[in-house]
Amino acid sequence: MKSINTWSFIFVAFALSIVSISISNAQNAKGQTTVILSLDGFRWDYPDKVSTPNLHQIARKGVKAVSLIPSFPSKTFPNHYTIATGLVPDHNGLVNNGFYDPALGKSFSMGNKEARFGPEFYGGEPIWITAQKQGVRTASFFWVGSDVAIQGIHPDIWKSYDQEIPFIQRIDTIIKWLSLPKDQRPLLVMGYYHEPDECGHDFGPDDVHTFKMVHEMDSMVGILYTRIIQLKGADSINFIVVSDHGMGSVSSNRVTVLRDFIPESWPVRIEGGNPNFNLYADGAWADSAYISLKRALHIKVWKPSEVPQYLNYGTNPRVGNIILVADSAWSISVQKPKKAYSGGTHGYDTRNTDMHAIFYAVGPAFKQNYVQPSFQNIHIYPLLAYLLGIQPAKTDGDLQQIVTMLNPVKK
């Protein structure tokens, strides 16, 4: 039987937890709304190369980070889901854009619809689930994972991915959401644009076509921001612009071919895509593949236990027996390329600043004309939770790492 002191301790702990939740909801009690927009593949230094007057305006009125550091691998699905969950890919389950789950006996890839919509592949708790559990409405226009019934839950408003929907139409819809009656209006709106990533892949990060798209994306940011500040209650809306990763140049003159080291007759499963691959093999075959690949130039070859600690990668069974990543500016191809190519890609070591992304924020919660030192994208989840006034789930992120960008809460 518990003593009176024990019961007293439990009661005090419970009371403190109630107080903690009330304090965390202080921001939400003010009615603040947050809009976060991701521009896929928008490298941190594009605004230094291209005219981006709207991002510069946001930086003057709010916060600009030197760069946003992606999680490894610096790929689209893993990093958008990291932003949503606050967990590195090794912990959120999306360990690459394509991988194999030995326990499920299934492969995951963006093009495999059955797998992509399989909630069993998505770990952690996305911010829209955290919010919904605490009575906060959310909406998403294409954020990774939002069209999947993770824990049986979607955002309150969400869209099935359709890349053909024009950017301006997406803006119209977001503004419509923000104009809904108060009892229907989401307090968190998440949006996604697939550019300038596609141009970066096709033409490379320093091509005039990519620069033109960067300028167009800045224009779209400007249109959305202008329409947001014209809304009734605009002074209670926080607007954040991020990207998932940067972009680096590649060429068919710099390629390591896996089949030069792993014959097709070997029972080795190869998953992933340039410049990241995960290999799966049993017993001696894993050893043979590892030894053979160690002879290859311009790639890193790791067993899970050998991955450098700063990459926070290698504990999830989905990473396989061997992890490969090309050296910066180099490519990995399963087969020898049939024709010459150039362009761009991402996925490299996160110390390569070409992989770094953007972070801009403006609104009542943020300081003005403030430059935030570079920070990891795992910290965005606790930031969103703070802005929404909700209790975050336990994650790899830490709000204290970026709290200097925030205005003090007025009591």
Protein backbone atom coordinates (compact mmCIF):
# COMPACT_ATOMS: atom_id res chain seq x y z
CA MET A 1 0.00 0.00 0.00
CA LYS A 2 1.35 3.46 -0.99
CA SER A 3 2.14 5.85 1.89
CA ILE A 4 0.45 9.26 2.28
CA ASN A 5 3.74 10.93 1.23
CA THR A 6 3.82 8.86 -1.95
CA TRP A 7 0.27 9.83 -2.85
CA SER A 8 1.12 13.47 -2.09
CA PHE A 9 4.08 13.28 -4.44
CA ILE A 10 1.92 11.81 -7.21
CA PHE A 11 -0.69 14.56 -6.74
CA VAL A 12 1.96 17.31 -6.86
CA ALA A 13 3.54 15.77 -9.96
CA PHE A 14 0.13 15.62 -11.64
CA ALA A 15 -0.62 19.22 -10.67
CA LEU A 16 2.74 20.36 -12.05
CA SER A 17 2.06 18.56 -15.30
CA ILE A 18 -1.25 20.43 -15.62
CA VAL A 19 0.56 23.72 -14.96
CA SER A 20 3.21 22.80 -17.54
CA ILE A 21 0.57 22.13 -20.18
CA SER A 22 -1.17 25.41 -19.34
CA ILE A 23 2.09 27.33 -19.69
CA SER A 24 2.89 25.65 -23.00
CA ASN A 25 -0.53 26.63 -24.28
CA ALA A 26 0.09 30.30 -23.53
CA GLN A 27 1.13 30.97 -27.11
CA ASN A 28 -1.91 29.17 -28.48
CA ALA A 29 -4.19 31.12 -26.14
CA LYS A 30 -3.17 34.26 -28.03
CA GLY A 31 -4.57 32.72 -31.18
CA GLN A 32 -1.30 32.56 -33.09
CA THR A 33 -1.24 30.63 -36.35
CA THR A 34 1.82 29.18 -38.10
CA VAL A 35 2.31 28.64 -41.83
CA ILE A 36 5.40 26.65 -42.85
CA LEU A 37 6.32 26.31 -46.52
CA SER A 38 9.03 24.01 -47.88
CA LEU A 39 10.82 24.71 -51.15
CA ASP A 40 12.38 21.37 -52.12
CA GLY A 41 16.10 21.56 -52.90
CA PHE A 42 16.47 25.29 -52.20
CA ARG A 43 20.17 25.56 -51.32
CA TRP A 44 21.16 27.89 -48.50
CA ASP A 45 23.26 30.16 -50.72
CA TYR A 46 20.89 30.58 -53.66
CA PRO A 47 19.84 34.03 -52.33
CA ASP A 48 23.50 35.09 -52.68
CA LYS A 49 23.51 34.02 -56.33
CA VAL A 50 20.01 35.03 -57.46
CA SER A 51 17.69 37.96 -56.87
CA THR A 52 15.31 36.88 -54.08
CA PRO A 53 13.78 40.14 -52.85
CA ASN A 54 10.94 38.46 -50.97
CA LEU A 55 13.18 36.24 -48.88
CA HIS A 56 15.38 39.26 -48.19
CA GLN A 57 12.29 41.18 -47.06
CA ILE A 58 11.35 38.35 -44.68
CA ALA A 59 14.92 38.31 -43.34
CA ARG A 60 14.74 42.07 -42.63
CA LYS A 61 11.38 41.78 -40.92
CA GLY A 62 12.16 38.54 -39.13
CA VAL A 63 14.77 35.82 -38.86
CA LYS A 64 17.18 34.25 -41.31
CA ALA A 65 19.40 31.30 -40.41
CA VAL A 66 22.88 31.15 -41.89
CA SER A 67 21.78 27.70 -43.04
CA LEU A 68 19.53 24.82 -42.05
CA ILE A 69 21.55 21.62 -41.66
CA PRO A 70 19.78 18.54 -43.03
CA SER A 71 19.84 15.11 -41.43
CA PHE A 72 21.67 12.23 -43.10
CA PRO A 73 20.98 11.16 -45.75
CA SER A 74 20.23 14.61 -47.17
CA LYS A 75 17.29 13.31 -49.20
CA THR A 76 13.72 14.56 -49.63
CA PHE A 77 11.51 12.05 -47.82
CA PRO A 78 13.83 11.48 -44.84
CA ASN A 79 14.30 15.21 -44.21
CA HIS A 80 10.74 16.38 -44.67
CA TYR A 81 9.70 13.68 -42.25
CA THR A 82 12.49 14.71 -39.88
CA ILE A 83 11.16 18.27 -39.89
CA ALA A 84 7.68 16.91 -39.16
CA THR A 85 8.76 14.56 -36.34
CA GLY A 86 11.93 16.02 -34.86
CA LEU A 87 13.57 12.61 -35.32
CA VAL A 88 16.59 11.88 -37.50
CA PRO A 89 15.88 9.39 -40.33
CA ASP A 90 17.58 6.61 -38.38
CA HIS A 91 14.91 7.11 -35.70
CA ASN A 92 11.85 8.06 -37.78
CA GLY A 93 12.15 5.03 -40.08
CA LEU A 94 12.56 6.75 -43.45
CA VAL A 95 16.26 5.92 -43.69
CA ASN A 96 16.48 6.78 -47.40
CA ASN A 97 14.20 7.62 -50.31
CA GLY A 98 14.33 3.90 -51.01
CA PHE A 99 15.19 1.06 -48.60
CA TYR A 100 14.26 -2.46 -47.48
CA ASP A 101 12.68 -3.45 -44.19
CA PRO A 102 13.88 -6.98 -43.24
CA ALA A 103 11.18 -7.39 -40.58
CA LEU A 104 8.35 -6.49 -42.97
CA GLY A 105 9.98 -8.17 -45.95
CA LYS A 106 9.06 -5.09 -48.00
CA SER A 107 10.86 -2.39 -49.93
CA PHE A 108 9.96 1.29 -49.67
CA SER A 109 10.32 3.83 -52.45
CA MET A 110 8.61 7.05 -53.43
CA GLY A 111 7.37 5.43 -56.64
CA ASN A 112 5.91 2.36 -54.90
CA LYS A 113 2.41 3.58 -53.99
CA GLU A 114 1.55 0.60 -51.79
CA ALA A 115 4.68 1.13 -49.71
CA ARG A 116 4.56 4.92 -49.73
CA PHE A 117 1.08 4.88 -48.22
CA GLY A 118 1.95 2.12 -45.75
CA PRO A 119 1.84 3.63 -42.25
CA GLU A 120 4.10 0.86 -40.98
CA PHE A 121 7.05 2.62 -42.61
CA TYR A 122 6.49 5.92 -40.78
CA GLY A 123 7.73 6.07 -37.21
CA GLY A 124 7.60 8.85 -34.65
CA GLU A 125 4.80 11.34 -34.20
CA PRO A 126 4.41 14.05 -36.86
CA ILE A 127 3.52 17.50 -35.57
CA TRP A 128 -0.02 17.29 -36.99
CA ILE A 129 -0.70 14.22 -34.84
CA THR A 130 0.77 15.88 -31.74
CA ALA A 131 -1.44 18.89 -32.43
CA GLN A 132 -4.59 16.91 -33.14
CA LYS A 133 -4.19 14.93 -29.92
CA GLN A 134 -4.26 18.25 -28.06
CA GLY A 135 -7.21 19.75 -29.90
CA VAL A 136 -5.28 21.95 -32.34
CA ARG A 137 -6.45 21.91 -35.97
CA THR A 138 -3.90 21.44 -38.75
CA ALA A 139 -3.80 21.44 -42.56
CA SER A 140 -1.26 20.19 -45.09
CA PHE A 141 -0.77 20.78 -48.78
CA PHE A 142 1.52 17.86 -49.75
CA TRP A 143 3.91 17.61 -46.77
CA VAL A 144 5.61 14.19 -46.73
CA GLY A 145 3.58 11.76 -44.61
CA SER A 146 0.48 13.92 -44.34
CA ASP A 147 -1.38 11.83 -46.94
CA VAL A 148 -0.56 8.64 -45.02
CA ALA A 149 -2.81 7.42 -42.19
CA ILE A 150 0.00 7.37 -39.62
CA GLN A 151 -1.46 6.02 -36.35
CA GLY A 152 -4.71 6.14 -38.33
CA ILE A 153 -4.53 9.95 -38.38
CA HIS A 154 -4.25 12.62 -41.08
CA PRO A 155 -4.16 16.40 -40.58
CA ASP A 156 -7.66 17.83 -40.23
CA ILE A 157 -7.34 19.09 -43.82
CA TRP A 158 -5.00 17.42 -46.29
CA LYS A 159 -4.39 16.81 -49.98
CA SER A 160 -3.38 13.73 -51.95
CA TYR A 161 -0.13 14.53 -53.74
CA ASP A 162 -0.60 15.93 -57.23
CA GLN A 163 2.42 17.74 -58.60
CA GLU A 164 0.40 19.17 -61.48
CA ILE A 165 -1.52 21.58 -59.23
CA PRO A 166 -0.09 25.04 -60.03
CA PHE A 167 1.80 26.86 -57.29
CA ILE A 168 -0.58 29.81 -57.39
CA GLN A 169 -3.56 27.48 -56.89
CA ARG A 170 -1.85 26.07 -53.81
CA ILE A 171 -1.52 29.62 -52.48
CA ASP A 172 -5.22 30.28 -53.13
CA THR A 173 -6.11 27.17 -51.13
CA ILE A 174 -3.83 28.04 -48.20
CA ILE A 175 -5.36 31.52 -48.00
CA LYS A 176 -8.82 29.95 -48.12
CA TRP A 177 -7.89 27.73 -45.17
CA LEU A 178 -6.61 30.73 -43.22
CA SER A 179 -9.89 32.54 -43.92
CA LEU A 180 -12.16 29.82 -42.54
CA PRO A 181 -14.40 30.52 -39.52
CA LYS A 182 -12.49 30.36 -36.27
CA ASP A 183 -13.84 26.96 -35.25
CA GLN A 184 -12.73 25.45 -38.57
CA ARG A 185 -9.51 27.36 -39.19
CA PRO A 186 -6.23 25.42 -38.81
CA LEU A 187 -3.58 26.89 -36.51
CA LEU A 188 -0.85 25.04 -38.40
CA VAL A 189 -0.66 25.02 -42.20
CA MET A 190 2.13 23.07 -43.92
CA GLY A 191 2.87 23.52 -47.62
CA TYR A 192 5.29 21.95 -50.08
CA TYR A 193 6.66 23.02 -53.48
CA HIS A 194 8.70 20.53 -55.54
CA GLU A 195 10.92 23.26 -56.98
CA PRO A 196 13.71 24.28 -57.36
CA ASP A 197 14.69 20.64 -56.72
CA GLU A 198 13.67 19.38 -60.17
CA CYS A 199 15.57 22.11 -61.98
CA GLY A 200 18.56 21.52 -59.73
CA HIS A 201 18.58 17.84 -60.68
CA ASP A 202 18.13 18.49 -64.39
CA PHE A 203 20.54 21.38 -64.85
CA GLY A 204 22.71 21.56 -61.72
CA PRO A 205 22.78 24.16 -58.94
CA ASP A 206 24.69 26.82 -60.90
CA ASP A 207 22.72 26.80 -64.15
CA VAL A 208 20.65 29.71 -65.46
CA HIS A 209 17.54 27.47 -65.59
CA THR A 210 17.86 26.71 -61.89
CA PHE A 211 18.48 30.36 -61.07
CA LYS A 212 15.34 31.31 -62.97
CA MET A 213 13.31 28.78 -60.95
CA VAL A 214 14.84 30.03 -57.70
CA HIS A 215 13.66 33.53 -58.61
CA GLU A 216 10.19 32.16 -59.46
CA MET A 217 9.97 30.36 -56.11
CA ASP A 218 10.93 33.59 -54.36
CA SER A 219 8.06 35.25 -56.23
CA MET A 220 5.66 32.55 -55.02
CA VAL A 221 6.88 33.13 -51.46
CA GLY A 222 6.25 36.84 -51.94
CA ILE A 223 2.71 36.31 -53.21
CA LEU A 224 1.85 34.02 -50.31
CA TYR A 225 3.40 36.34 -47.73
CA THR A 226 1.68 39.42 -49.18
CA ARG A 227 -1.69 37.70 -49.06
CA ILE A 228 -1.06 36.47 -45.52
CA ILE A 229 -0.31 39.96 -44.18
CA GLN A 230 -3.47 41.23 -45.86
CA LEU A 231 -5.63 38.81 -43.87
CA LYS A 232 -7.69 39.86 -40.91
CA GLY A 233 -5.64 38.96 -37.87
CA ALA A 234 -2.38 38.86 -39.86
CA ASP A 235 -0.48 40.17 -36.85
CA SER A 236 -1.03 36.79 -35.16
CA ILE A 237 0.36 34.68 -38.03
CA ASN A 238 3.92 33.30 -38.07
CA PHE A 239 5.32 32.46 -41.53
CA ILE A 240 8.26 30.07 -41.94
CA VAL A 241 10.06 29.16 -45.18
CA VAL A 242 12.39 26.17 -45.18
CA SER A 243 13.91 23.59 -47.50
CA ASP A 244 14.82 19.97 -46.96
CA HIS A 245 18.33 19.98 -48.43
CA GLY A 246 20.59 21.72 -50.92
CA MET A 247 22.04 20.57 -54.22
CA GLY A 248 25.49 19.61 -55.55
CA SER A 249 26.85 19.28 -59.08
CA VAL A 250 27.36 15.84 -60.65
CA SER A 251 28.78 14.55 -63.93
CA SER A 252 29.06 11.21 -65.73
CA ASN A 253 32.82 11.79 -65.61
CA ARG A 254 32.73 11.13 -61.86
CA VAL A 255 30.92 7.83 -61.28
CA THR A 256 31.60 4.70 -59.25
CA VAL A 257 29.77 1.66 -60.71
CA LEU A 258 28.56 -0.89 -58.16
CA ARG A 259 28.47 -3.79 -60.61
CA ASP A 260 32.22 -3.44 -61.01
CA PHE A 261 32.42 -4.74 -57.44
CA ILE A 262 29.15 -6.59 -56.81
CA PRO A 263 28.37 -9.08 -59.61
CA GLU A 264 24.69 -9.60 -60.41
CA SER A 265 25.08 -13.29 -59.46
CA TRP A 266 25.79 -12.34 -55.83
CA PRO A 267 22.69 -12.47 -53.56
CA VAL A 268 23.01 -8.84 -52.49
CA ARG A 269 19.95 -6.57 -52.42
CA ILE A 270 20.73 -3.01 -53.51
CA GLU A 271 18.32 -0.24 -52.49
CA GLY A 272 18.49 3.55 -52.71
CA GLY A 273 19.61 6.02 -55.32
CA ASN A 274 22.56 8.23 -56.16
CA PRO A 275 24.53 9.10 -54.08
CA ASN A 276 23.18 6.85 -51.26
CA PHE A 277 22.72 3.09 -51.29
CA ASN A 278 21.89 0.51 -48.66
CA LEU A 279 22.93 -3.10 -49.25
CA TYR A 280 21.36 -6.18 -47.70
CA ALA A 281 23.02 -9.59 -47.68
CA ASP A 282 23.34 -12.64 -45.43
CA GLY A 283 26.44 -13.86 -43.64
CA ALA A 284 29.51 -14.37 -45.79
CA TRP A 285 27.91 -12.53 -48.72
CA ALA A 286 27.76 -9.34 -46.67
CA ASP A 287 31.45 -9.76 -45.79
CA SER A 288 32.39 -10.41 -49.42
CA ALA A 289 30.47 -7.37 -50.64
CA TYR A 290 32.02 -5.18 -47.96
CA ILE A 291 35.57 -6.32 -48.75
CA SER A 292 35.04 -5.87 -52.48
CA LEU A 293 33.51 -2.40 -52.15
CA LYS A 294 36.37 -1.26 -49.93
CA ARG A 295 38.48 -1.30 -53.10
CA ALA A 296 36.24 1.28 -54.76
CA LEU A 297 37.38 4.87 -55.05
CA HIS A 298 35.40 8.01 -54.26
CA ILE A 299 32.80 6.37 -52.02
CA LYS A 300 32.46 5.75 -48.30
CA VAL A 301 31.70 2.12 -47.38
CA TRP A 302 30.45 1.50 -43.86
CA LYS A 303 29.05 -1.29 -41.78
CA PRO A 304 26.30 0.17 -39.57
CA SER A 305 28.64 0.28 -36.58
CA GLU A 306 31.21 2.26 -38.59
CA VAL A 307 29.03 5.22 -39.57
CA PRO A 308 30.52 8.41 -38.08
CA GLN A 309 28.66 9.42 -34.93
CA TYR A 310 27.84 12.93 -36.16
CA LEU A 311 25.65 11.45 -38.92
CA ASN A 312 23.31 9.80 -36.35
CA TYR A 313 22.79 6.84 -38.65
CA GLY A 314 23.23 3.09 -38.48
CA THR A 315 21.10 1.74 -35.62
CA ASN A 316 17.91 1.11 -37.62
CA PRO A 317 17.71 -2.39 -39.17
CA ARG A 318 16.42 -0.76 -42.35
CA VAL A 319 19.88 0.65 -43.13
CA GLY A 320 21.02 -2.85 -44.09
CA ASN A 321 24.43 -4.49 -43.76
CA ILE A 322 26.40 -1.98 -45.80
CA ILE A 323 25.88 1.77 -46.20
CA LEU A 324 27.31 3.62 -49.19
CA VAL A 325 27.60 7.33 -49.88
CA ALA A 326 29.57 8.94 -52.68
CA ASP A 327 32.22 11.55 -52.04
CA SER A 328 31.02 15.08 -52.75
CA ALA A 329 30.46 15.75 -56.48
CA TRP A 330 30.78 12.03 -57.24
CA SER A 331 27.98 9.64 -58.19
CA ILE A 332 27.22 5.99 -57.51
CA SER A 333 25.50 4.02 -60.25
CA VAL A 334 24.41 0.38 -60.13
CA GLN A 335 25.20 -0.09 -63.82
CA LYS A 336 27.58 1.84 -66.04
CA PRO A 337 25.72 4.92 -67.39
CA LYS A 338 24.65 4.44 -71.01
CA LYS A 339 25.11 8.09 -71.93
CA ALA A 340 26.86 11.18 -70.67
CA TYR A 341 25.03 13.39 -68.20
CA SER A 342 25.43 16.36 -65.91
CA GLY A 343 23.16 18.06 -63.42
CA GLY A 344 22.77 17.92 -59.67
CA THR A 345 21.90 15.68 -56.76
CA HIS A 346 21.85 15.56 -52.97
CA GLY A 347 22.22 13.01 -50.21
CA TYR A 348 25.87 13.62 -49.39
CA ASP A 349 27.54 13.99 -46.01
CA THR A 350 25.85 16.81 -44.11
CA ARG A 351 29.23 18.51 -43.56
CA ASN A 352 29.14 19.35 -47.27
CA THR A 353 27.59 22.83 -47.16
CA ASP A 354 26.17 22.34 -50.67
CA MET A 355 23.64 20.12 -48.88
CA HIS A 356 22.57 22.87 -46.49
CA ALA A 357 19.06 24.32 -46.72
CA ILE A 358 17.24 27.56 -45.87
CA PHE A 359 15.29 28.80 -42.88
CA TYR A 360 13.42 32.12 -42.83
CA ALA A 361 10.74 33.14 -40.33
CA VAL A 362 8.65 36.21 -39.67
CA GLY A 363 5.76 36.97 -37.35
CA PRO A 364 4.91 37.90 -33.78
CA ALA A 365 6.94 35.07 -32.25
CA PHE A 366 10.18 36.00 -34.02
CA LYS A 367 12.75 38.72 -33.57
CA GLN A 368 13.31 41.27 -36.33
CA ASN A 369 16.37 41.43 -38.57
CA TYR A 370 17.99 38.60 -36.62
CA VAL A 371 20.57 36.18 -38.06
CA GLN A 372 20.37 32.74 -36.46
CA PRO A 373 23.50 30.58 -36.58
CA SER A 374 23.19 27.38 -38.62
CA PHE A 375 21.15 24.70 -36.87
CA GLN A 376 19.94 21.15 -37.46
CA ASN A 377 16.46 20.61 -38.85
CA ILE A 378 15.51 18.31 -35.94
CA HIS A 379 14.83 21.47 -33.91
CA ILE A 380 11.94 22.63 -36.11
CA TYR A 381 9.45 20.16 -34.58
CA PRO A 382 9.82 21.54 -31.03
CA LEU A 383 9.70 25.06 -32.51
CA LEU A 384 6.35 24.31 -34.16
CA ALA A 385 5.06 22.76 -30.94
CA TYR A 386 6.07 25.91 -29.06
CA LEU A 387 4.37 28.18 -31.59
CA LEU A 388 1.19 26.09 -31.33
CA GLY A 389 1.32 26.04 -27.54
CA ILE A 390 1.28 22.25 -27.31
CA GLN A 391 3.36 19.69 -25.48
CA PRO A 392 5.86 18.12 -27.92
CA ALA A 393 6.54 14.41 -28.06
CA LYS A 394 10.01 13.28 -27.04
CA THR A 395 12.30 13.79 -30.05
CA ASP A 396 15.89 14.38 -31.06
CA GLY A 397 15.20 18.12 -31.28
CA ASP A 398 15.69 20.76 -28.60
CA LEU A 399 13.99 24.17 -28.68
CA GLN A 400 16.72 25.59 -26.47
CA GLN A 401 19.15 25.27 -29.38
CA ILE A 402 17.25 27.95 -31.33
CA VAL A 403 15.38 29.87 -28.65
CA THR A 404 17.51 32.98 -29.31
CA MET A 405 15.49 33.68 -32.50
CA LEU A 406 12.25 34.02 -30.52
CA ASN A 407 10.74 37.08 -28.91
CA PRO A 408 10.26 36.78 -25.16
CA VAL A 409 6.70 35.77 -24.26
CA LYS A 410 4.83 38.75 -22.83
CA LYS A 411 3.19 37.98 -19.52
